[in-house]
Amino acid sequence: CHLAFVDFYGTSAITPNTLVNSLREIKSMPFYARATQVCCFITFSVWE
């Protein structure tokens, strides 16, 4: 159950932003938003 939560958390930190960026000509993201994504992704990797 917790592995499923970790997988949901991890993909939600990456995929929605990827979907948005695929529709944008310039795939930019503010500095602190990018820091948040980095933190989420590292956390997901360790949890997994």
All heavy atoms as atom14 arrays in JSON, in Angstrom:
{
  "sequence": "CHLAFVDFYGTSAITPNTLVNSLREIKSMPFYARATQVCCFITFSVWE",
  "atom14_mask": [
    [1, 1, 1, 1, 1, 1, 0, 0, 0, 0, 0, 0, 0, 0],
    [1, 1, 1, 1, 1, 1, 1, 1, 1, 1, 0, 0, 0, 0],
    [1, 1, 1, 1, 1, 1, 1, 1, 0, 0, 0, 0, 0, 0],
    [1, 1, 1, 1, 1, 0, 0, 0, 0, 0, 0, 0, 0, 0],
    [1, 1, 1, 1, 1, 1, 1, 1, 1, 1, 1, 0, 0, 0],
    [1, 1, 1, 1, 1, 1, 1, 0, 0, 0, 0, 0, 0, 0],
    [1, 1, 1, 1, 1, 1, 1, 1, 0, 0, 0, 0, 0, 0],
    [1, 1, 1, 1, 1, 1, 1, 1, 1, 1, 1, 0, 0, 0],
    [1, 1, 1, 1, 1, 1, 1, 1, 1, 1, 1, 1, 0, 0],
    [1, 1, 1, 1, 0, 0, 0, 0, 0, 0, 0, 0, 0, 0],
    [1, 1, 1, 1, 1, 1, 1, 0, 0, 0, 0, 0, 0, 0],
    [1, 1, 1, 1, 1, 1, 0, 0, 0, 0, 0, 0, 0, 0],
    [1, 1, 1, 1, 1, 0, 0, 0, 0, 0, 0, 0, 0, 0],
    [1, 1, 1, 1, 1, 1, 1, 1, 0, 0, 0, 0, 0, 0],
    [1, 1, 1, 1, 1, 1, 1, 0, 0, 0, 0, 0, 0, 0],
    [1, 1, 1, 1, 1, 1, 1, 0, 0, 0, 0, 0, 0, 0],
    [1, 1, 1, 1, 1, 1, 1, 1, 0, 0, 0, 0, 0, 0],
    [1, 1, 1, 1, 1, 1, 1, 0, 0, 0, 0, 0, 0, 0],
    [1, 1, 1, 1, 1, 1, 1, 1, 0, 0, 0, 0, 0, 0],
    [1, 1, 1, 1, 1, 1, 1, 0, 0, 0, 0, 0, 0, 0],
    [1, 1, 1, 1, 1, 1, 1, 1, 0, 0, 0, 0, 0, 0],
    [1, 1, 1, 1, 1, 1, 0, 0, 0, 0, 0, 0, 0, 0],
    [1, 1, 1, 1, 1, 1, 1, 1, 0, 0, 0, 0, 0, 0],
    [1, 1, 1, 1, 1, 1, 1, 1, 1, 1, 1, 0, 0, 0],
    [1, 1, 1, 1, 1, 1, 1, 1, 1, 0, 0, 0, 0, 0],
    [1, 1, 1, 1, 1, 1, 1, 1, 0, 0, 0, 0, 0, 0],
    [1, 1, 1, 1, 1, 1, 1, 1, 1, 0, 0, 0, 0, 0],
    [1, 1, 1, 1, 1, 1, 0, 0, 0, 0, 0, 0, 0, 0],
    [1, 1, 1, 1, 1, 1, 1, 1, 0, 0, 0, 0, 0, 0],
    [1, 1, 1, 1, 1, 1, 1, 0, 0, 0, 0, 0, 0, 0],
    [1, 1, 1, 1, 1, 1, 1, 1, 1, 1, 1, 0, 0, 0],
    [1, 1, 1, 1, 1, 1, 1, 1, 1, 1, 1, 1, 0, 0],
    [1, 1, 1, 1, 1, 0, 0, 0, 0, 0, 0, 0, 0, 0],
    [1, 1, 1, 1, 1, 1, 1, 1, 1, 1, 1, 0, 0, 0],
    [1, 1, 1, 1, 1, 0, 0, 0, 0, 0, 0, 0, 0, 0],
    [1, 1, 1, 1, 1, 1, 1, 0, 0, 0, 0, 0, 0, 0],
    [1, 1, 1, 1, 1, 1, 1, 1, 1, 0, 0, 0, 0, 0],
    [1, 1, 1, 1, 1, 1, 1, 0, 0, 0, 0, 0, 0, 0],
    [1, 1, 1, 1, 1, 1, 0, 0, 0, 0, 0, 0, 0, 0],
    [1, 1, 1, 1, 1, 1, 0, 0, 0, 0, 0, 0, 0, 0],
    [1, 1, 1, 1, 1, 1, 1, 1, 1, 1, 1, 0, 0, 0],
    [1, 1, 1, 1, 1, 1, 1, 1, 0, 0, 0, 0, 0, 0],
    [1, 1, 1, 1, 1, 1, 1, 0, 0, 0, 0, 0, 0, 0],
    [1, 1, 1, 1, 1, 1, 1, 1, 1, 1, 1, 0, 0, 0],
    [1, 1, 1, 1, 1, 1, 0, 0, 0, 0, 0, 0, 0, 0],
    [1, 1, 1, 1, 1, 1, 1, 0, 0, 0, 0, 0, 0, 0],
    [1, 1, 1, 1, 1, 1, 1, 1, 1, 1, 1, 1, 1, 1],
    [1, 1, 1, 1, 1, 1, 1, 1, 1, 0, 0, 0, 0, 0]
  ],
  "atom14_positions": [
    [[0.83, -1.2, 0.0], [0.0, 0.0, 0.0], [0.87, 1.25, 0.0], [0.61, 2.21, -0.73], [-0.92, -0.03, 1.22], [-2.08, 1.36, 1.31], [0.0, 0.0, 0.0], [0.0, 0.0, 0.0], [0.0, 0.0, 0.0], [0.0, 0.0, 0.0], [0.0, 0.0, 0.0], [0.0, 0.0, 0.0], [0.0, 0.0, 0.0], [0.0, 0.0, 0.0]],
    [[1.93, 1.23, 0.79], [2.81, 2.4, 0.86], [3.7, 2.5, -0.38], [4.05, 3.61, -0.79], [3.65, 2.33, 2.13], [2.88, 2.67, 3.36], [2.66, 3.97, 3.78], [2.25, 1.87, 4.26], [1.93, 3.95, 4.88], [1.67, 2.7, 5.2], [0.0, 0.0, 0.0], [0.0, 0.0, 0.0], [0.0, 0.0, 0.0], [0.0, 0.0, 0.0]],
    [[4.06, 1.37, -0.99], [4.79, 1.43, -2.25], [3.93, 2.08, -3.33], [4.42, 2.88, -4.14], [5.21, 0.03, -2.69], [5.95, -0.05, -4.03], [7.31, 0.64, -3.94], [6.12, -1.52, -4.47], [0.0, 0.0, 0.0], [0.0, 0.0, 0.0], [0.0, 0.0, 0.0], [0.0, 0.0, 0.0], [0.0, 0.0, 0.0], [0.0, 0.0, 0.0]],
    [[2.64, 1.76, -3.32], [1.72, 2.36, -4.28], [1.62, 3.87, -4.06], [1.57, 4.65, -5.02], [0.34, 1.71, -4.16], [0.0, 0.0, 0.0], [0.0, 0.0, 0.0], [0.0, 0.0, 0.0], [0.0, 0.0, 0.0], [0.0, 0.0, 0.0], [0.0, 0.0, 0.0], [0.0, 0.0, 0.0], [0.0, 0.0, 0.0], [0.0, 0.0, 0.0]],
    [[1.59, 4.29, -2.79], [1.57, 5.72, -2.5], [2.84, 6.41, -3.0], [2.79, 7.5, -3.57], [1.41, 5.96, -1.0], [1.68, 7.39, -0.59], [0.76, 8.39, -0.86], [2.87, 7.73, 0.04], [1.01, 9.71, -0.5], [3.14, 9.04, 0.39], [2.21, 10.03, 0.12], [0.0, 0.0, 0.0], [0.0, 0.0, 0.0], [0.0, 0.0, 0.0]],
    [[4.0, 5.77, -2.77], [5.27, 6.33, -3.21], [5.3, 6.48, -4.73], [5.74, 7.51, -5.26], [6.45, 5.45, -2.73], [7.75, 5.88, -3.4], [6.59, 5.53, -1.21], [0.0, 0.0, 0.0], [0.0, 0.0, 0.0], [0.0, 0.0, 0.0], [0.0, 0.0, 0.0], [0.0, 0.0, 0.0], [0.0, 0.0, 0.0], [0.0, 0.0, 0.0]],
    [[4.82, 5.47, -5.44], [4.77, 5.54, -6.9], [3.85, 6.65, -7.38], [4.15, 7.37, -8.34], [4.33, 4.2, -7.48], [5.42, 3.15, -7.44], [6.6, 3.54, -7.48], [5.11, 1.95, -7.37], [0.0, 0.0, 0.0], [0.0, 0.0, 0.0], [0.0, 0.0, 0.0], [0.0, 0.0, 0.0], [0.0, 0.0, 0.0], [0.0, 0.0, 0.0]],
    [[2.7, 6.8, -6.72], [1.77, 7.87, -7.06], [2.41, 9.24, -6.81], [2.32, 10.16, -7.63], [0.49, 7.74, -6.24], [-0.4, 8.95, -6.28], [-1.11, 9.29, -7.42], [-0.5, 9.79, -5.17], [-1.92, 10.42, -7.46], [-1.29, 10.92, -5.21], [-2.0, 11.23, -6.35], [0.0, 0.0, 0.0], [0.0, 0.0, 0.0], [0.0, 0.0, 0.0]],
    [[3.07, 9.36, -5.67], [3.73, 10.61, -5.31], [4.84, 10.95, -6.31], [4.95, 12.09, -6.78], [4.31, 10.48, -3.89], [5.31, 11.54, -3.51], [4.9, 12.75, -2.97], [6.68, 11.33, -3.68], [5.82, 13.73, -2.6], [7.6, 12.31, -3.32], [7.17, 13.5, -2.79], [8.08, 14.46, -2.44], [0.0, 0.0, 0.0], [0.0, 0.0, 0.0]],
    [[5.66, 9.95, -6.64], [6.79, 10.19, -7.53], [6.38, 10.62, -8.92], [6.92, 11.59, -9.47], [0.0, 0.0, 0.0], [0.0, 0.0, 0.0], [0.0, 0.0, 0.0], [0.0, 0.0, 0.0], [0.0, 0.0, 0.0], [0.0, 0.0, 0.0], [0.0, 0.0, 0.0], [0.0, 0.0, 0.0], [0.0, 0.0, 0.0], [0.0, 0.0, 0.0]],
    [[5.42, 9.9, -9.5], [5.01, 10.25, -10.85], [4.24, 11.57, -10.88], [4.3, 12.31, -11.87], [4.15, 9.12, -11.46], [4.03, 9.32, -12.88], [2.76, 9.07, -10.86], [0.0, 0.0, 0.0], [0.0, 0.0, 0.0], [0.0, 0.0, 0.0], [0.0, 0.0, 0.0], [0.0, 0.0, 0.0], [0.0, 0.0, 0.0], [0.0, 0.0, 0.0]],
    [[3.56, 11.91, -9.79], [2.83, 13.19, -9.74], [3.78, 14.38, -9.6], [3.42, 15.51, -9.91], [1.85, 13.18, -8.56], [0.85, 12.2, -8.76], [0.0, 0.0, 0.0], [0.0, 0.0, 0.0], [0.0, 0.0, 0.0], [0.0, 0.0, 0.0], [0.0, 0.0, 0.0], [0.0, 0.0, 0.0], [0.0, 0.0, 0.0], [0.0, 0.0, 0.0]],
    [[5.01, 14.12, -9.14], [6.01, 15.18, -9.05], [6.65, 15.48, -10.4], [7.23, 16.55, -10.59], [7.1, 14.79, -8.05], [0.0, 0.0, 0.0], [0.0, 0.0, 0.0], [0.0, 0.0, 0.0], [0.0, 0.0, 0.0], [0.0, 0.0, 0.0], [0.0, 0.0, 0.0], [0.0, 0.0, 0.0], [0.0, 0.0, 0.0], [0.0, 0.0, 0.0]],
    [[6.53, 14.55, -11.35], [7.2, 14.68, -12.64], [6.23, 14.87, -13.8], [6.33, 15.82, -14.58], [8.08, 13.44, -12.91], [9.11, 13.25, -11.8], [8.74, 13.55, -14.28], [10.12, 14.35, -11.69], [0.0, 0.0, 0.0], [0.0, 0.0, 0.0], [0.0, 0.0, 0.0], [0.0, 0.0, 0.0], [0.0, 0.0, 0.0], [0.0, 0.0, 0.0]],
    [[5.27, 13.94, -13.93], [4.47, 13.85, -15.16], [3.56, 15.05, -15.42], [3.52, 15.53, -16.57], [3.63, 12.56, -15.14], [4.48, 11.45, -14.84], [2.96, 12.33, -16.49], [0.0, 0.0, 0.0], [0.0, 0.0, 0.0], [0.0, 0.0, 0.0], [0.0, 0.0, 0.0], [0.0, 0.0, 0.0], [0.0, 0.0, 0.0], [0.0, 0.0, 0.0]],
    [[2.82, 15.58, -14.44], [1.96, 16.74, -14.75], [2.74, 17.92, -15.33], [2.28, 18.56, -16.3], [1.34, 17.09, -13.39], [1.33, 15.8, -12.65], [2.59, 15.12, -13.05], [0.0, 0.0, 0.0], [0.0, 0.0, 0.0], [0.0, 0.0, 0.0], [0.0, 0.0, 0.0], [0.0, 0.0, 0.0], [0.0, 0.0, 0.0], [0.0, 0.0, 0.0]],
    [[3.9, 18.22, -14.76], [4.71, 19.31, -15.29], [5.22, 18.99, -16.69], [5.32, 19.88, -17.54], [5.89, 19.58, -14.35], [6.71, 20.77, -14.78], [6.24, 21.91, -14.76], [7.94, 20.53, -15.19], [0.0, 0.0, 0.0], [0.0, 0.0, 0.0], [0.0, 0.0, 0.0], [0.0, 0.0, 0.0], [0.0, 0.0, 0.0], [0.0, 0.0, 0.0]],
    [[5.54, 17.72, -16.93], [5.98, 17.3, -18.28], [4.86, 17.5, -19.28], [5.09, 17.93, -20.42], [6.41, 15.82, -18.25], [7.46, 15.65, -17.3], [6.89, 15.38, -19.63], [0.0, 0.0, 0.0], [0.0, 0.0, 0.0], [0.0, 0.0, 0.0], [0.0, 0.0, 0.0], [0.0, 0.0, 0.0], [0.0, 0.0, 0.0], [0.0, 0.0, 0.0]],
    [[3.63, 17.19, -18.89], [2.48, 17.37, -19.78], [2.27, 18.85, -20.11], [2.02, 19.2, -21.27], [1.22, 16.8, -19.12], [1.16, 15.28, -18.96], [-0.05, 14.88, -18.12], [1.1, 14.61, -20.32], [0.0, 0.0, 0.0], [0.0, 0.0, 0.0], [0.0, 0.0, 0.0], [0.0, 0.0, 0.0], [0.0, 0.0, 0.0], [0.0, 0.0, 0.0]],
    [[2.39, 19.69, -19.09], [2.22, 21.13, -19.31], [3.32, 21.67, -20.23], [3.05, 22.42, -21.18], [2.22, 21.89, -17.98], [2.24, 23.4, -18.21], [1.01, 21.51, -17.14], [0.0, 0.0, 0.0], [0.0, 0.0, 0.0], [0.0, 0.0, 0.0], [0.0, 0.0, 0.0], [0.0, 0.0, 0.0], [0.0, 0.0, 0.0], [0.0, 0.0, 0.0]],
    [[4.55, 21.26, -19.98], [5.67, 21.74, -20.78], [5.6, 21.29, -22.23], [6.08, 21.98, -23.13], [7.0, 21.27, -20.18], [7.42, 22.11, -18.99], [6.96, 23.25, -18.83], [8.26, 21.56, -18.14], [0.0, 0.0, 0.0], [0.0, 0.0, 0.0], [0.0, 0.0, 0.0], [0.0, 0.0, 0.0], [0.0, 0.0, 0.0], [0.0, 0.0, 0.0]],
    [[4.99, 20.12, -22.47], [4.9, 19.63, -23.85], [3.97, 20.49, -24.69], [4.02, 20.44, -25.92], [4.4, 18.18, -23.86], [3.08, 18.09, -23.36], [0.0, 0.0, 0.0], [0.0, 0.0, 0.0], [0.0, 0.0, 0.0], [0.0, 0.0, 0.0], [0.0, 0.0, 0.0], [0.0, 0.0, 0.0], [0.0, 0.0, 0.0], [0.0, 0.0, 0.0]],
    [[3.13, 21.3, -24.04], [2.22, 22.2, -24.76], [2.76, 23.62, -24.86], [2.15, 24.47, -25.5], [0.85, 22.24, -24.04], [0.13, 20.89, -23.9], [-1.16, 21.08, -23.1], [-0.2, 20.31, -25.28], [0.0, 0.0, 0.0], [0.0, 0.0, 0.0], [0.0, 0.0, 0.0], [0.0, 0.0, 0.0], [0.0, 0.0, 0.0], [0.0, 0.0, 0.0]],
    [[3.92, 23.85, -24.24], [4.5, 25.19, -24.23], [5.71, 25.25, -25.15], [6.46, 24.29, -25.28], [4.91, 25.58, -22.81], [3.77, 25.59, -21.82], [4.24, 25.62, -20.39], [5.0, 26.81, -20.08], [5.58, 27.04, -18.91], [5.5, 26.13, -17.96], [6.24, 28.15, -18.69], [0.0, 0.0, 0.0], [0.0, 0.0, 0.0], [0.0, 0.0, 0.0]],
    [[5.87, 26.4, -25.79], [7.01, 26.58, -26.69], [8.3, 26.71, -25.88], [9.33, 26.13, -26.23], [6.8, 27.82, -27.56], [7.9, 28.03, -28.6], [7.61, 29.2, -29.52], [6.48, 29.73, -29.48], [8.52, 29.58, -30.28], [0.0, 0.0, 0.0], [0.0, 0.0, 0.0], [0.0, 0.0, 0.0], [0.0, 0.0, 0.0], [0.0, 0.0, 0.0]],
    [[8.26, 27.49, -24.8], [9.4, 27.64, -23.91], [9.09, 26.93, -22.61], [8.18, 27.32, -21.87], [9.71, 29.13, -23.64], [10.01, 29.87, -24.95], [10.88, 29.26, -22.67], [10.29, 31.34, -24.77], [0.0, 0.0, 0.0], [0.0, 0.0, 0.0], [0.0, 0.0, 0.0], [0.0, 0.0, 0.0], [0.0, 0.0, 0.0], [0.0, 0.0, 0.0]],
    [[9.83, 25.88, -22.33], [9.56, 25.01, -21.17], [10.31, 25.52, -19.95], [11.25, 24.9, -19.45], [9.95, 23.58, -21.51], [9.24, 23.02, -22.73], [9.82, 21.7, -23.16], [9.07, 21.12, -24.35], [9.06, 22.01, -25.53], [0.0, 0.0, 0.0], [0.0, 0.0, 0.0], [0.0, 0.0, 0.0], [0.0, 0.0, 0.0], [0.0, 0.0, 0.0]],
    [[9.89, 26.67, -19.46], [10.57, 27.28, -18.32], [9.83, 27.01, -17.02], [8.65, 26.68, -17.01], [10.69, 28.8, -18.53], [9.41, 29.39, -18.61], [0.0, 0.0, 0.0], [0.0, 0.0, 0.0], [0.0, 0.0, 0.0], [0.0, 0.0, 0.0], [0.0, 0.0, 0.0], [0.0, 0.0, 0.0], [0.0, 0.0, 0.0], [0.0, 0.0, 0.0]],
    [[10.57, 27.14, -15.92], [9.98, 26.94, -14.6], [10.75, 27.8, -13.6], [11.98, 27.84, -13.65], [10.06, 25.47, -14.19], [9.17, 25.09, -13.02], [9.09, 23.29, -12.79], [7.84, 23.21, -11.5], [0.0, 0.0, 0.0], [0.0, 0.0, 0.0], [0.0, 0.0, 0.0], [0.0, 0.0, 0.0], [0.0, 0.0, 0.0], [0.0, 0.0, 0.0]],
    [[10.05, 28.51, -12.72], [10.72, 29.37, -11.75], [11.71, 28.61, -10.88], [11.59, 27.4, -10.68], [9.56, 29.92, -10.91], [8.37, 29.83, -11.81], [8.58, 28.6, -12.63], [0.0, 0.0, 0.0], [0.0, 0.0, 0.0], [0.0, 0.0, 0.0], [0.0, 0.0, 0.0], [0.0, 0.0, 0.0], [0.0, 0.0, 0.0], [0.0, 0.0, 0.0]],
    [[12.67, 29.34, -10.35], [13.77, 28.78, -9.57], [13.26, 27.93, -8.4], [13.66, 26.79, -8.23], [14.64, 29.93, -9.05], [15.91, 29.5, -8.39], [17.06, 29.3, -9.12], [15.95, 29.31, -7.01], [18.25, 28.9, -8.5], [17.13, 28.92, -6.39], [18.27, 28.73, -7.14], [0.0, 0.0, 0.0], [0.0, 0.0, 0.0], [0.0, 0.0, 0.0]],
    [[12.35, 28.47, -7.6], [11.9, 27.76, -6.41], [10.95, 26.61, -6.75], [10.9, 25.61, -6.02], [11.25, 28.74, -5.43], [12.25, 29.68, -4.8], [12.34, 31.01, -5.19], [13.14, 29.22, -3.84], [13.28, 31.86, -4.62], [14.08, 30.05, -3.26], [14.15, 31.38, -3.66], [15.09, 32.21, -3.11], [0.0, 0.0, 0.0], [0.0, 0.0, 0.0]],
    [[10.22, 26.73, -7.84], [9.39, 25.61, -8.28], [10.26, 24.44, -8.72], [9.96, 23.28, -8.47], [8.48, 26.05, -9.43], [0.0, 0.0, 0.0], [0.0, 0.0, 0.0], [0.0, 0.0, 0.0], [0.0, 0.0, 0.0], [0.0, 0.0, 0.0], [0.0, 0.0, 0.0], [0.0, 0.0, 0.0], [0.0, 0.0, 0.0], [0.0, 0.0, 0.0]],
    [[11.39, 24.78, -9.36], [12.33, 23.75, -9.77], [12.97, 23.09, -8.56], [13.19, 21.88, -8.53], [13.4, 24.37, -10.68], [14.3, 23.37, -11.35], [13.54, 22.4, -12.21], [12.75, 23.07, -13.23], [11.76, 22.53, -13.9], [11.42, 21.28, -13.63], [11.09, 23.19, -14.82], [0.0, 0.0, 0.0], [0.0, 0.0, 0.0], [0.0, 0.0, 0.0]],
    [[13.27, 23.88, -7.53], [13.84, 23.32, -6.3], [12.86, 22.35, -5.65], [13.25, 21.3, -5.13], [14.2, 24.45, -5.34], [0.0, 0.0, 0.0], [0.0, 0.0, 0.0], [0.0, 0.0, 0.0], [0.0, 0.0, 0.0], [0.0, 0.0, 0.0], [0.0, 0.0, 0.0], [0.0, 0.0, 0.0], [0.0, 0.0, 0.0], [0.0, 0.0, 0.0]],
    [[11.59, 22.69, -5.69], [10.56, 21.81, -5.14], [10.52, 20.48, -5.87], [10.41, 19.41, -5.26], [9.18, 22.49, -5.2], [9.22, 23.73, -4.49], [8.1, 21.59, -4.62], [0.0, 0.0, 0.0], [0.0, 0.0, 0.0], [0.0, 0.0, 0.0], [0.0, 0.0, 0.0], [0.0, 0.0, 0.0], [0.0, 0.0, 0.0], [0.0, 0.0, 0.0]],
    [[10.61, 20.53, -7.21], [10.58, 19.3, -7.99], [11.81, 18.44, -7.7], [11.7, 17.22, -7.6], [10.5, 19.59, -9.49], [10.28, 18.34, -10.32], [10.22, 18.62, -11.81], [11.18, 19.09, -12.4], [9.08, 18.33, -12.42], [0.0, 0.0, 0.0], [0.0, 0.0, 0.0], [0.0, 0.0, 0.0], [0.0, 0.0, 0.0], [0.0, 0.0, 0.0]],
    [[12.97, 19.06, -7.57], [14.19, 18.31, -7.25], [14.04, 17.61, -5.91], [14.37, 16.43, -5.77], [15.42, 19.25, -7.23], [16.63, 18.53, -6.65], [15.73, 19.75, -8.62], [0.0, 0.0, 0.0], [0.0, 0.0, 0.0], [0.0, 0.0, 0.0], [0.0, 0.0, 0.0], [0.0, 0.0, 0.0], [0.0, 0.0, 0.0], [0.0, 0.0, 0.0]],
    [[13.53, 18.32, -4.91], [13.33, 17.74, -3.58], [12.36, 16.57, -3.63], [12.61, 15.51, -3.04], [12.83, 18.81, -2.61], [12.6, 18.21, -0.92], [0.0, 0.0, 0.0], [0.0, 0.0, 0.0], [0.0, 0.0, 0.0], [0.0, 0.0, 0.0], [0.0, 0.0, 0.0], [0.0, 0.0, 0.0], [0.0, 0.0, 0.0], [0.0, 0.0, 0.0]],
    [[11.26, 16.74, -4.36], [10.26, 15.68, -4.48], [10.83, 14.45, -5.18], [10.57, 13.31, -4.77], [9.04, 16.19, -5.24], [8.05, 17.4, -4.34], [0.0, 0.0, 0.0], [0.0, 0.0, 0.0], [0.0, 0.0, 0.0], [0.0, 0.0, 0.0], [0.0, 0.0, 0.0], [0.0, 0.0, 0.0], [0.0, 0.0, 0.0], [0.0, 0.0, 0.0]],
    [[11.63, 14.68, -6.22], [12.16, 13.55, -6.97], [13.2, 12.78, -6.16], [13.2, 11.54, -6.16], [12.79, 14.02, -8.29], [13.35, 12.9, -9.11], [12.51, 12.04, -9.79], [14.72, 12.7, -9.18], [13.02, 10.99, -10.54], [15.24, 11.65, -9.94], [14.39, 10.8, -10.62], [0.0, 0.0, 0.0], [0.0, 0.0, 0.0], [0.0, 0.0, 0.0]],
    [[14.09, 13.48, -5.45], [15.07, 12.8, -4.61], [14.37, 12.02, -3.51], [14.72, 10.87, -3.21], [16.07, 13.81, -4.0], [16.88, 14.49, -5.11], [17.0, 13.12, -3.01], [17.78, 15.6, -4.61], [0.0, 0.0, 0.0], [0.0, 0.0, 0.0], [0.0, 0.0, 0.0], [0.0, 0.0, 0.0], [0.0, 0.0, 0.0], [0.0, 0.0, 0.0]],
    [[13.37, 12.64, -2.89], [12.61, 11.97, -1.84], [11.94, 10.71, -2.37], [12.0, 9.64, -1.73], [11.54, 12.92, -1.27], [12.16, 14.11, -0.77], [10.77, 12.25, -0.14], [0.0, 0.0, 0.0], [0.0, 0.0, 0.0], [0.0, 0.0, 0.0], [0.0, 0.0, 0.0], [0.0, 0.0, 0.0], [0.0, 0.0, 0.0], [0.0, 0.0, 0.0]],
    [[11.34, 10.8, -3.55], [10.7, 9.64, -4.19], [11.71, 8.52, -4.43], [11.43, 7.35, -4.15], [10.06, 10.07, -5.51], [9.91, 8.98, -6.52], [9.0, 7.95, -6.34], [10.69, 8.96, -7.67], [8.87, 6.93, -7.28], [10.57, 7.96, -8.61], [9.66, 6.93, -8.41], [0.0, 0.0, 0.0], [0.0, 0.0, 0.0], [0.0, 0.0, 0.0]],
    [[12.89, 8.87, -4.93], [13.91, 7.87, -5.25], [14.36, 7.12, -3.99], [14.5, 5.89, -4.01], [15.12, 8.53, -5.91], [14.75, 9.17, -7.12], [0.0, 0.0, 0.0], [0.0, 0.0, 0.0], [0.0, 0.0, 0.0], [0.0, 0.0, 0.0], [0.0, 0.0, 0.0], [0.0, 0.0, 0.0], [0.0, 0.0, 0.0], [0.0, 0.0, 0.0]],
    [[14.56, 7.85, -2.9], [14.98, 7.23, -1.64], [13.86, 6.37, -1.07], [14.09, 5.24, -0.61], [15.43, 8.29, -0.62], [15.82, 7.63, 0.71], [16.61, 9.09, -1.16], [0.0, 0.0, 0.0], [0.0, 0.0, 0.0], [0.0, 0.0, 0.0], [0.0, 0.0, 0.0], [0.0, 0.0, 0.0], [0.0, 0.0, 0.0], [0.0, 0.0, 0.0]],
    [[12.64, 6.9, -1.09], [11.49, 6.12, -0.59], [11.34, 4.82, -1.34], [11.07, 3.76, -0.75], [10.21, 6.95, -0.72], [10.05, 8.0, 0.33], [10.82, 8.18, 1.43], [9.04, 9.01, 0.38], [10.36, 9.26, 2.17], [9.26, 9.78, 1.55], [7.97, 9.35, -0.44], [8.45, 10.85, 1.91], [7.15, 10.42, -0.09], [7.4, 11.17, 1.07]],
    [[11.49, 4.86, -2.67], [11.32, 3.65, -3.48], [12.36, 2.6, -3.09], [12.04, 1.42, -2.93], [11.45, 4.01, -4.97], [11.09, 2.87, -5.91], [9.63, 2.86, -6.3], [8.88, 3.76, -5.85], [9.23, 1.97, -7.05], [0.0, 0.0, 0.0], [0.0, 0.0, 0.0], [0.0, 0.0, 0.0], [0.0, 0.0, 0.0], [0.0, 0.0, 0.0]]
  ]
}
